[in-house]
Amino acid sequence: MSKVVDFVIVFDDGVRKRHYHDTEKGKVIYFAVQLEIELKSEWKAVVRYDCSHGFSHVDKFDLKGNKEKTPLNLSFESALTYGEWDINNNWRKYKENFLKGVDNG
């Protein structure tokens, strides 16, 4: 039996973090942590840590929705923890660079 944790944290007007993870017997089997910014009444992904392709990675997006995928070579648990830490500590920088059209790499 799996256990799902799913929540949203609002950092600022129009800036939020979505967190989702699923565990089975205490082990993370799927996760996604994503920073989003609201532009013209639509939420846009800025940075997303997940394992949707069977490996942990980070996707960084630009204003046009183009993304750059970087493998993390971390366990799902470690990638989830790192993604949480990175977004919580760097969301202002990610937001500023995203809105300026600067690479968030």
PDB file of N, CA and C in Angstrom:
ATOM      1  N   MET A   1       0.844  -1.191   0.000  1.00  0.00           N
ATOM      2  CA  MET A   1       0.000   0.000   0.000  1.00  0.00           C
ATOM      3  C   MET A   1       0.882   1.245   0.000  1.00  0.00           C
ATOM      4  N   SER A   2       0.619   2.139  -0.937  1.00  0.00           N
ATOM      5  CA  SER A   2       1.448   3.336  -1.034  1.00  0.00           C
ATOM      6  C   SER A   2       0.823   4.493  -0.252  1.00  0.00           C
ATOM      7  N   LYS A   3       1.669   5.450   0.094  1.00  0.00           N
ATOM      8  CA  LYS A   3       1.239   6.636   0.816  1.00  0.00           C
ATOM      9  C   LYS A   3       1.602   7.854  -0.026  1.00  0.00           C
ATOM     10  N   VAL A   4       0.616   8.694  -0.319  1.00  0.00           N
ATOM     11  CA  VAL A   4       0.826   9.878  -1.149  1.00  0.00           C
ATOM     12  C   VAL A   4       0.825  11.130  -0.274  1.00  0.00           C
ATOM     13  N   VAL A   5       1.802  12.000  -0.519  1.00  0.00           N
ATOM     14  CA  VAL A   5       1.866  13.326   0.101  1.00  0.00           C
ATOM     15  C   VAL A   5       1.786  14.324  -1.042  1.00  0.00           C
ATOM     16  N   ASP A   6       0.823  15.254  -0.948  1.00  0.00           N
ATOM     17  CA  ASP A   6       0.570  16.195  -2.036  1.00  0.00           C
ATOM     18  C   ASP A   6       0.155  17.522  -1.425  1.00  0.00           C
ATOM     19  N   PHE A   7       0.943  18.592  -1.655  1.00  0.00           N
ATOM     20  CA  PHE A   7       0.581  19.890  -1.098  1.00  0.00           C
ATOM     21  C   PHE A   7       1.172  21.012  -1.941  1.00  0.00           C
ATOM     22  N   VAL A   8       0.678  22.231  -1.677  1.00  0.00           N
ATOM     23  CA  VAL A   8       1.155  23.439  -2.356  1.00  0.00           C
ATOM     24  C   VAL A   8       1.570  24.441  -1.289  1.00  0.00           C
ATOM     25  N   ILE A   9       2.707  25.081  -1.497  1.00  0.00           N
ATOM     26  CA  ILE A   9       3.194  26.154  -0.626  1.00  0.00           C
ATOM     27  C   ILE A   9       3.217  27.434  -1.455  1.00  0.00           C
ATOM     28  N   VAL A  10       2.610  28.497  -0.927  1.00  0.00           N
ATOM     29  CA  VAL A  10       2.635  29.796  -1.604  1.00  0.00           C
ATOM     30  C   VAL A  10       3.799  30.596  -1.026  1.00  0.00           C
ATOM     31  N   PHE A  11       4.737  30.999  -1.892  1.00  0.00           N
ATOM     32  CA  PHE A  11       5.888  31.792  -1.468  1.00  0.00           C
ATOM     33  C   PHE A  11       5.596  33.286  -1.521  1.00  0.00           C
ATOM     34  N   ASP A  12       4.815  33.700  -2.525  1.00  0.00           N
ATOM     35  CA  ASP A  12       4.571  35.115  -2.779  1.00  0.00           C
ATOM     36  C   ASP A  12       3.368  35.186  -3.723  1.00  0.00           C
ATOM     37  N   ASP A  13       2.856  36.386  -3.966  1.00  0.00           N
ATOM     38  CA  ASP A  13       1.783  36.518  -4.951  1.00  0.00           C
ATOM     39  C   ASP A  13       2.258  35.958  -6.277  1.00  0.00           C
ATOM     40  N   GLY A  14       1.532  34.986  -6.804  1.00  0.00           N
ATOM     41  CA  GLY A  14       1.871  34.428  -8.107  1.00  0.00           C
ATOM     42  C   GLY A  14       3.088  33.528  -8.128  1.00  0.00           C
ATOM     43  N   VAL A  15       3.535  33.062  -6.953  1.00  0.00           N
ATOM     44  CA  VAL A  15       4.695  32.156  -6.890  1.00  0.00           C
ATOM     45  C   VAL A  15       4.359  31.033  -5.911  1.00  0.00           C
ATOM     46  N   ARG A  16       4.463  29.790  -6.387  1.00  0.00           N
ATOM     47  CA  ARG A  16       4.128  28.661  -5.518  1.00  0.00           C
ATOM     48  C   ARG A  16       5.031  27.459  -5.819  1.00  0.00           C
ATOM     49  N   LYS A  17       5.070  26.574  -4.840  1.00  0.00           N
ATOM     50  CA  LYS A  17       5.770  25.299  -5.005  1.00  0.00           C
ATOM     51  C   LYS A  17       4.728  24.196  -4.863  1.00  0.00           C
ATOM     52  N   ARG A  18       4.729  23.286  -5.820  1.00  0.00           N
ATOM     53  CA  ARG A  18       3.879  22.091  -5.734  1.00  0.00           C
ATOM     54  C   ARG A  18       4.764  20.917  -5.371  1.00  0.00           C
ATOM     55  N   HIS A  19       4.329  20.146  -4.388  1.00  0.00           N
ATOM     56  CA  HIS A  19       5.094  18.998  -3.912  1.00  0.00           C
ATOM     57  C   HIS A  19       4.207  17.762  -3.989  1.00  0.00           C
ATOM     58  N   TYR A  20       4.749  16.691  -4.563  1.00  0.00           N
ATOM     59  CA  TYR A  20       4.036  15.415  -4.636  1.00  0.00           C
ATOM     60  C   TYR A  20       5.063  14.306  -4.475  1.00  0.00           C
ATOM     61  N   HIS A  21       4.782  13.379  -3.588  1.00  0.00           N
ATOM     62  CA  HIS A  21       5.587  12.164  -3.579  1.00  0.00           C
ATOM     63  C   HIS A  21       4.754  10.990  -3.094  1.00  0.00           C
ATOM     64  N   ASP A  22       5.140   9.828  -3.565  1.00  0.00           N
ATOM     65  CA  ASP A  22       4.449   8.573  -3.281  1.00  0.00           C
ATOM     66  C   ASP A  22       5.492   7.610  -2.723  1.00  0.00           C
ATOM     67  N   THR A  23       5.186   7.020  -1.570  1.00  0.00           N
ATOM     68  CA  THR A  23       6.114   6.059  -0.968  1.00  0.00           C
ATOM     69  C   THR A  23       5.433   4.707  -0.818  1.00  0.00           C
ATOM     70  N   GLU A  24       6.247   3.682  -0.866  1.00  0.00           N
ATOM     71  CA  GLU A  24       5.794   2.322  -0.643  1.00  0.00           C
ATOM     72  C   GLU A  24       6.797   1.673   0.304  1.00  0.00           C
ATOM     73  N   LYS A  25       6.303   1.203   1.445  1.00  0.00           N
ATOM     74  CA  LYS A  25       7.175   0.602   2.473  1.00  0.00           C
ATOM     75  C   LYS A  25       8.314   1.549   2.836  1.00  0.00           C
ATOM     76  N   GLY A  26       7.995   2.862   2.923  1.00  0.00           N
ATOM     77  CA  GLY A  26       8.972   3.859   3.328  1.00  0.00           C
ATOM     78  C   GLY A  26       9.942   4.298   2.251  1.00  0.00           C
ATOM     79  N   LYS A  27       9.795   3.792   1.044  1.00  0.00           N
ATOM     80  CA  LYS A  27      10.709   4.137  -0.056  1.00  0.00           C
ATOM     81  C   LYS A  27       9.964   4.986  -1.093  1.00  0.00           C
ATOM     82  N   VAL A  28      10.583   6.068  -1.521  1.00  0.00           N
ATOM     83  CA  VAL A  28       9.970   6.939  -2.529  1.00  0.00           C
ATOM     84  C   VAL A  28       9.940   6.197  -3.863  1.00  0.00           C
ATOM     85  N   ILE A  29       8.723   6.064  -4.424  1.00  0.00           N
ATOM     86  CA  ILE A  29       8.588   5.405  -5.724  1.00  0.00           C
ATOM     87  C   ILE A  29       8.279   6.401  -6.848  1.00  0.00           C
ATOM     88  N   TYR A  30       7.832   7.612  -6.474  1.00  0.00           N
ATOM     89  CA  TYR A  30       7.614   8.681  -7.451  1.00  0.00           C
ATOM     90  C   TYR A  30       7.624  10.011  -6.710  1.00  0.00           C
ATOM     91  N   PHE A  31       8.167  11.051  -7.358  1.00  0.00           N
ATOM     92  CA  PHE A  31       8.131  12.378  -6.750  1.00  0.00           C
ATOM     93  C   PHE A  31       8.167  13.452  -7.830  1.00  0.00           C
ATOM     94  N   ALA A  32       7.667  14.615  -7.464  1.00  0.00           N
ATOM     95  CA  ALA A  32       7.777  15.814  -8.293  1.00  0.00           C
ATOM     96  C   ALA A  32       7.677  17.021  -7.366  1.00  0.00           C
ATOM     97  N   VAL A  33       8.659  17.913  -7.469  1.00  0.00           N
ATOM     98  CA  VAL A  33       8.651  19.174  -6.740  1.00  0.00           C
ATOM     99  C   VAL A  33       8.877  20.256  -7.781  1.00  0.00           C
ATOM    100  N   GLN A  34       7.936  21.209  -7.851  1.00  0.00           N
ATOM    101  CA  GLN A  34       7.962  22.162  -8.965  1.00  0.00           C
ATOM    102  C   GLN A  34       7.704  23.576  -8.487  1.00  0.00           C
ATOM    103  N   LEU A  35       8.537  24.522  -8.942  1.00  0.00           N
ATOM    104  CA  LEU A  35       8.317  25.947  -8.719  1.00  0.00           C
ATOM    105  C   LEU A  35       7.508  26.473  -9.900  1.00  0.00           C
ATOM    106  N   GLU A  36       6.441  27.215  -9.590  1.00  0.00           N
ATOM    107  CA  GLU A  36       5.571  27.756 -10.633  1.00  0.00           C
ATOM    108  C   GLU A  36       5.345  29.247 -10.414  1.00  0.00           C
ATOM    109  N   ILE A  37       5.207  29.955 -11.515  1.00  0.00           N
ATOM    110  CA  ILE A  37       4.913  31.384 -11.492  1.00  0.00           C
ATOM    111  C   ILE A  37       3.670  31.622 -12.324  1.00  0.00           C
ATOM    112  N   GLU A  38       2.779  32.464 -11.805  1.00  0.00           N
ATOM    113  CA  GLU A  38       1.543  32.785 -12.533  1.00  0.00           C
ATOM    114  C   GLU A  38       1.796  33.975 -13.457  1.00  0.00           C
ATOM    115  N   LEU A  39       1.562  33.748 -14.742  1.00  0.00           N
ATOM    116  CA  LEU A  39       1.686  34.791 -15.757  1.00  0.00           C
ATOM    117  C   LEU A  39       0.407  34.829 -16.572  1.00  0.00           C
ATOM    118  N   LYS A  40      -0.219  35.982 -16.630  1.00  0.00           N
ATOM    119  CA  LYS A  40      -1.454  36.147 -17.404  1.00  0.00           C
ATOM    120  C   LYS A  40      -2.476  35.070 -17.044  1.00  0.00           C
ATOM    121  N   SER A  41      -2.699  34.867 -15.739  1.00  0.00           N
ATOM    122  CA  SER A  41      -3.684  33.914 -15.199  1.00  0.00           C
ATOM    123  C   SER A  41      -3.379  32.456 -15.524  1.00  0.00           C
ATOM    124  N   GLU A  42      -2.127  32.149 -15.880  1.00  0.00           N
ATOM    125  CA  GLU A  42      -1.743  30.775 -16.173  1.00  0.00           C
ATOM    126  C   GLU A  42      -0.463  30.441 -15.397  1.00  0.00           C
ATOM    127  N   TRP A  43      -0.465  29.274 -14.735  1.00  0.00           N
ATOM    128  CA  TRP A  43       0.712  28.850 -13.978  1.00  0.00           C
ATOM    129  C   TRP A  43       1.741  28.229 -14.917  1.00  0.00           C
ATOM    130  N   LYS A  44       2.978  28.727 -14.836  1.00  0.00           N
ATOM    131  CA  LYS A  44       4.073  28.262 -15.680  1.00  0.00           C
ATOM    132  C   LYS A  44       5.125  27.581 -14.805  1.00  0.00           C
ATOM    133  N   ALA A  45       5.602  26.416 -15.236  1.00  0.00           N
ATOM    134  CA  ALA A  45       6.689  25.729 -14.531  1.00  0.00           C
ATOM    135  C   ALA A  45       7.988  26.500 -14.758  1.00  0.00           C
ATOM    136  N   VAL A  46       8.773  26.648 -13.688  1.00  0.00           N
ATOM    137  CA  VAL A  46      10.070  27.313 -13.757  1.00  0.00           C
ATOM    138  C   VAL A  46      11.181  26.276 -13.567  1.00  0.00           C
ATOM    139  N   VAL A  47      11.063  25.504 -12.482  1.00  0.00           N
ATOM    140  CA  VAL A  47      12.023  24.449 -12.157  1.00  0.00           C
ATOM    141  C   VAL A  47      11.234  23.252 -11.634  1.00  0.00           C
ATOM    142  N   ARG A  48      11.572  22.055 -12.118  1.00  0.00           N
ATOM    143  CA  ARG A  48      10.886  20.851 -11.632  1.00  0.00           C
ATOM    144  C   ARG A  48      11.896  19.734 -11.392  1.00  0.00           C
ATOM    145  N   TYR A  49      11.863  19.200 -10.193  1.00  0.00           N
ATOM    146  CA  TYR A  49      12.632  18.004  -9.846  1.00  0.00           C
ATOM    147  C   TYR A  49      11.658  16.841  -9.872  1.00  0.00           C
ATOM    148  N   ASP A  50      11.983  15.774 -10.617  1.00  0.00           N
ATOM    149  CA  ASP A  50      11.086  14.620 -10.652  1.00  0.00           C
ATOM    150  C   ASP A  50      11.811  13.378 -11.141  1.00  0.00           C
ATOM    151  N   CYS A  51      11.032  12.307 -11.294  1.00  0.00           N
ATOM    152  CA  CYS A  51      11.585  11.025 -11.746  1.00  0.00           C
ATOM    153  C   CYS A  51      10.669  10.418 -12.800  1.00  0.00           C
ATOM    154  N   SER A  52      10.025  11.272 -13.588  1.00  0.00           N
ATOM    155  CA  SER A  52       9.009  10.808 -14.539  1.00  0.00           C
ATOM    156  C   SER A  52       9.542   9.907 -15.645  1.00  0.00           C
ATOM    157  N   HIS A  53      10.838   9.888 -15.860  1.00  0.00           N
ATOM    158  CA  HIS A  53      11.406   9.032 -16.912  1.00  0.00           C
ATOM    159  C   HIS A  53      12.172   7.847 -16.316  1.00  0.00           C
ATOM    160  N   GLY A  54      11.891   7.581 -15.036  1.00  0.00           N
ATOM    161  CA  GLY A  54      12.537   6.452 -14.369  1.00  0.00           C
ATOM    162  C   GLY A  54      13.877   6.781 -13.733  1.00  0.00           C
ATOM    163  N   PHE A  55      14.292   8.060 -13.808  1.00  0.00           N
ATOM    164  CA  PHE A  55      15.535   8.495 -13.153  1.00  0.00           C
ATOM    165  C   PHE A  55      15.324   9.902 -12.605  1.00  0.00           C
ATOM    166  N   SER A  56      16.064  10.228 -11.544  1.00  0.00           N
ATOM    167  CA  SER A  56      15.927  11.561 -10.953  1.00  0.00           C
ATOM    168  C   SER A  56      16.605  12.592 -11.859  1.00  0.00           C
ATOM    169  N   HIS A  57      15.917  13.717 -12.046  1.00  0.00           N
ATOM    170  CA  HIS A  57      16.447  14.785 -12.886  1.00  0.00           C
ATOM    171  C   HIS A  57      15.789  16.106 -12.522  1.00  0.00           C
ATOM    172  N   VAL A  58      16.348  17.180 -13.053  1.00  0.00           N
ATOM    173  CA  VAL A  58      15.757  18.503 -12.896  1.00  0.00           C
ATOM    174  C   VAL A  58      15.502  19.066 -14.288  1.00  0.00           C
ATOM    175  N   ASP A  59      14.318  19.652 -14.455  1.00  0.00           N
ATOM    176  CA  ASP A  59      13.953  20.359 -15.683  1.00  0.00           C
ATOM    177  C   ASP A  59      13.901  21.841 -15.349  1.00  0.00           C
ATOM    178  N   LYS A  60      14.568  22.651 -16.161  1.00  0.00           N
ATOM    179  CA  LYS A  60      14.520  24.100 -16.002  1.00  0.00           C
ATOM    180  C   LYS A  60      13.902  24.677 -17.266  1.00  0.00           C
ATOM    181  N   PHE A  61      12.907  25.546 -17.077  1.00  0.00           N
ATOM    182  CA  PHE A  61      12.097  26.063 -18.181  1.00  0.00           C
ATOM    183  C   PHE A  61      12.387  27.530 -18.442  1.00  0.00           C
ATOM    184  N   ASP A  62      12.146  27.958 -19.695  1.00  0.00           N
ATOM    185  CA  ASP A  62      12.196  29.385 -20.005  1.00  0.00           C
ATOM    186  C   ASP A  62      10.771  29.890 -20.217  1.00  0.00           C
ATOM    187  N   LEU A  63      10.646  31.167 -20.476  1.00  0.00           N
ATOM    188  CA  LEU A  63       9.324  31.794 -20.633  1.00  0.00           C
ATOM    189  C   LEU A  63       8.495  31.171 -21.753  1.00  0.00           C
ATOM    190  N   LYS A  64       9.161  30.628 -22.772  1.00  0.00           N
ATOM    191  CA  LYS A  64       8.449  30.027 -23.905  1.00  0.00           C
ATOM    192  C   LYS A  64       8.049  28.583 -23.631  1.00  0.00           C
ATOM    193  N   GLY A  65       8.465  28.035 -22.480  1.00  0.00           N
ATOM    194  CA  GLY A  65       8.127  26.653 -22.149  1.00  0.00           C
ATOM    195  C   GLY A  65       9.179  25.641 -22.560  1.00  0.00           C
ATOM    196  N   ASN A  66      10.278  26.119 -23.175  1.00  0.00           N
ATOM    197  CA  ASN A  66      11.380  25.211 -23.514  1.00  0.00           C
ATOM    198  C   ASN A  66      12.017  24.724 -22.221  1.00  0.00           C
ATOM    199  N   LYS A  67      12.480  23.467 -22.229  1.00  0.00           N
ATOM    200  CA  LYS A  67      13.095  22.969 -21.005  1.00  0.00           C
ATOM    201  C   LYS A  67      14.439  22.331 -21.272  1.00  0.00           C
ATOM    202  N   GLU A  68      15.269  22.390 -20.227  1.00  0.00           N
ATOM    203  CA  GLU A  68      16.573  21.748 -20.239  1.00  0.00           C
ATOM    204  C   GLU A  68      16.568  20.699 -19.137  1.00  0.00           C
ATOM    205  N   LYS A  69      16.802  19.447 -19.501  1.00  0.00           N
ATOM    206  CA  LYS A  69      16.775  18.330 -18.553  1.00  0.00           C
ATOM    207  C   LYS A  69      18.195  17.969 -18.147  1.00  0.00           C
ATOM    208  N   THR A  70      18.422  17.861 -16.831  1.00  0.00           N
ATOM    209  CA  THR A  70      19.730  17.483 -16.305  1.00  0.00           C
ATOM    210  C   THR A  70      19.571  16.294 -15.363  1.00  0.00           C
ATOM    211  N   PRO A  71      20.175  15.150 -15.689  1.00  0.00           N
ATOM    212  CA  PRO A  71      20.118  13.999 -14.777  1.00  0.00           C
ATOM    213  C   PRO A  71      20.831  14.338 -13.472  1.00  0.00           C
ATOM    214  N   LEU A  72      20.311  13.812 -12.362  1.00  0.00           N
ATOM    215  CA  LEU A  72      20.897  14.115 -11.055  1.00  0.00           C
ATOM    216  C   LEU A  72      21.774  12.998 -10.501  1.00  0.00           C
ATOM    217  N   ASN A  73      21.615  11.783 -10.997  1.00  0.00           N
ATOM    218  CA  ASN A  73      22.384  10.653 -10.466  1.00  0.00           C
ATOM    219  C   ASN A  73      22.250  10.540  -8.950  1.00  0.00           C
ATOM    220  N   LEU A  74      21.031  10.764  -8.460  1.00  0.00           N
ATOM    221  CA  LEU A  74      20.709  10.646  -7.042  1.00  0.00           C
ATOM    222  C   LEU A  74      19.561   9.669  -6.879  1.00  0.00           C
ATOM    223  N   SER A  75      19.472   9.061  -5.704  1.00  0.00           N
ATOM    224  CA  SER A  75      18.297   8.237  -5.399  1.00  0.00           C
ATOM    225  C   SER A  75      17.068   9.150  -5.413  1.00  0.00           C
ATOM    226  N   PHE A  76      15.897   8.568  -5.548  1.00  0.00           N
ATOM    227  CA  PHE A  76      14.671   9.375  -5.541  1.00  0.00           C
ATOM    228  C   PHE A  76      14.564  10.149  -4.231  1.00  0.00           C
ATOM    229  N   GLU A  77      14.897   9.512  -3.109  1.00  0.00           N
ATOM    230  CA  GLU A  77      14.816  10.177  -1.802  1.00  0.00           C
ATOM    231  C   GLU A  77      15.744  11.386  -1.749  1.00  0.00           C
ATOM    232  N   SER A  78      16.986  11.202  -2.188  1.00  0.00           N
ATOM    233  CA  SER A  78      17.956  12.298  -2.156  1.00  0.00           C
ATOM    234  C   SER A  78      17.569  13.416  -3.120  1.00  0.00           C
ATOM    235  N   ALA A  79      17.089  13.062  -4.293  1.00  0.00           N
ATOM    236  CA  ALA A  79      16.682  14.073  -5.276  1.00  0.00           C
ATOM    237  C   ALA A  79      15.478  14.870  -4.764  1.00  0.00           C
ATOM    238  N   LEU A  80      14.546  14.206  -4.108  1.00  0.00           N
ATOM    239  CA  LEU A  80      13.383  14.886  -3.527  1.00  0.00           C
ATOM    240  C   LEU A  80      13.848  15.874  -2.462  1.00  0.00           C
ATOM    241  N   THR A  81      14.723  15.428  -1.574  1.00  0.00           N
ATOM    242  CA  THR A  81      15.237  16.290  -0.509  1.00  0.00           C
ATOM    243  C   THR A  81      15.999  17.472  -1.088  1.00  0.00           C
ATOM    244  N   TYR A  82      16.850  17.216  -2.076  1.00  0.00           N
ATOM    245  CA  TYR A  82      17.623  18.286  -2.695  1.00  0.00           C
ATOM    246  C   TYR A  82      16.707  19.275  -3.423  1.00  0.00           C
ATOM    247  N   GLY A  83      15.726  18.762  -4.164  1.00  0.00           N
ATOM    248  CA  GLY A  83      14.794  19.631  -4.885  1.00  0.00           C
ATOM    249  C   GLY A  83      14.034  20.547  -3.946  1.00  0.00           C
ATOM    250  N   GLU A  84      13.578  20.000  -2.823  1.00  0.00           N
ATOM    251  CA  GLU A  84      12.893  20.803  -1.803  1.00  0.00           C
ATOM    252  C   GLU A  84      13.813  21.914  -1.302  1.00  0.00           C
ATOM    253  N   TRP A  85      15.040  21.524  -0.936  1.00  0.00           N
ATOM    254  CA  TRP A  85      16.003  22.499  -0.415  1.00  0.00           C
ATOM    255  C   TRP A  85      16.290  23.578  -1.450  1.00  0.00           C
ATOM    256  N   ASP A  86      16.563  23.189  -2.693  1.00  0.00           N
ATOM    257  CA  ASP A  86      16.924  24.141  -3.743  1.00  0.00           C
ATOM    258  C   ASP A  86      15.800  25.135  -4.001  1.00  0.00           C
ATOM    259  N   ILE A  87      14.592  24.650  -4.177  1.00  0.00           N
ATOM    260  CA  ILE A  87      13.470  25.552  -4.464  1.00  0.00           C
ATOM    261  C   ILE A  87      13.177  26.455  -3.266  1.00  0.00           C
ATOM    262  N   ASN A  88      13.188  25.897  -2.055  1.00  0.00           N
ATOM    263  CA  ASN A  88      12.920  26.707  -0.860  1.00  0.00           C
ATOM    264  C   ASN A  88      13.952  27.824  -0.690  1.00  0.00           C
ATOM    265  N   ASN A  89      15.202  27.552  -1.029  1.00  0.00           N
ATOM    266  CA  ASN A  89      16.266  28.522  -0.807  1.00  0.00           C
ATOM    267  C   ASN A  89      16.530  29.446  -1.989  1.00  0.00           C
ATOM    268  N   ASN A  90      16.133  29.058  -3.193  1.00  0.00           N
ATOM    269  CA  ASN A  90      16.500  29.818  -4.394  1.00  0.00           C
ATOM    270  C   ASN A  90      15.320  30.299  -5.225  1.00  0.00           C
ATOM    271  N   TRP A  91      14.096  30.209  -4.708  1.00  0.00           N
ATOM    272  CA  TRP A  91      12.942  30.557  -5.530  1.00  0.00           C
ATOM    273  C   TRP A  91      12.976  32.006  -6.009  1.00  0.00           C
ATOM    274  N   ARG A  92      13.487  32.912  -5.194  1.00  0.00           N
ATOM    275  CA  ARG A  92      13.532  34.320  -5.615  1.00  0.00           C
ATOM    276  C   ARG A  92      14.444  34.491  -6.833  1.00  0.00           C
ATOM    277  N   LYS A  93      15.607  33.837  -6.798  1.00  0.00           N
ATOM    278  CA  LYS A  93      16.555  33.914  -7.924  1.00  0.00           C
ATOM    279  C   LYS A  93      15.940  33.273  -9.165  1.00  0.00           C
ATOM    280  N   TYR A  94      15.323  32.092  -8.999  1.00  0.00           N
ATOM    281  CA  TYR A  94      14.674  31.434 -10.133  1.00  0.00           C
ATOM    282  C   TYR A  94      13.591  32.318 -10.732  1.00  0.00           C
ATOM    283  N   LYS A  95      12.784  32.934  -9.873  1.00  0.00           N
ATOM    284  CA  LYS A  95      11.702  33.814 -10.350  1.00  0.00           C
ATOM    285  C   LYS A  95      12.272  34.988 -11.134  1.00  0.00           C
ATOM    286  N   GLU A  96      13.252  35.665 -10.550  1.00  0.00           N
ATOM    287  CA  GLU A  96      13.851  36.845 -11.191  1.00  0.00           C
ATOM    288  C   GLU A  96      14.446  36.473 -12.557  1.00  0.00           C
ATOM    289  N   ASN A  97      15.229  35.399 -12.606  1.00  0.00           N
ATOM    290  CA  ASN A  97      15.846  34.991 -13.870  1.00  0.00           C
ATOM    291  C   ASN A  97      14.808  34.561 -14.893  1.00  0.00           C
ATOM    292  N   PHE A  98      13.781  33.833 -14.455  1.00  0.00           N
ATOM    293  CA  PHE A  98      12.723  33.370 -15.354  1.00  0.00           C
ATOM    294  C   PHE A  98      12.028  34.571 -15.998  1.00  0.00           C
ATOM    295  N   LEU A  99      11.647  35.552 -15.183  1.00  0.00           N
ATOM    296  CA  LEU A  99      10.916  36.711 -15.693  1.00  0.00           C
ATOM    297  C   LEU A  99      11.789  37.607 -16.575  1.00  0.00           C
ATOM    298  N   LYS A 100      13.102  37.607 -16.348  1.00  0.00           N
ATOM    299  CA  LYS A 100      14.032  38.376 -17.184  1.00  0.00           C
ATOM    300  C   LYS A 100      14.396  37.620 -18.453  1.00  0.00           C
ATOM    301  N   GLY A 101      14.055  36.336 -18.491  1.00  0.00           N
ATOM    302  CA  GLY A 101      14.431  35.526 -19.644  1.00  0.00           C
ATOM    303  C   GLY A 101      15.862  35.017 -19.578  1.00  0.00           C
ATOM    304  N   VAL A 102      16.427  35.041 -18.345  1.00  0.00           N
ATOM    305  CA  VAL A 102      17.803  34.580 -18.138  1.00  0.00           C
ATOM    306  C   VAL A 102      17.785  33.087 -17.857  1.00  0.00           C
ATOM    307  N   ASP A 103      18.808  32.391 -18.325  1.00  0.00           N
ATOM    308  CA  ASP A 103      18.941  30.953 -18.088  1.00  0.00           C
ATOM    309  C   ASP A 103      19.040  30.667 -16.596  1.00  0.00           C
ATOM    310  N   ASN A 104      18.243  29.705 -16.101  1.00  0.00           N
ATOM    311  CA  ASN A 104      18.262  29.334 -14.698  1.00  0.00           C
ATOM    312  C   ASN A 104      19.243  28.210 -14.408  1.00  0.00           C
ATOM    313  N   GLY A 105      20.181  27.955 -15.310  1.00  0.00           N
ATOM    314  CA  GLY A 105      21.135  26.859 -15.141  1.00  0.00           C
ATOM    315  C   GLY A 105      22.141  27.049 -14.087  1.00  0.00           C
TER     316      GLY A 105
END
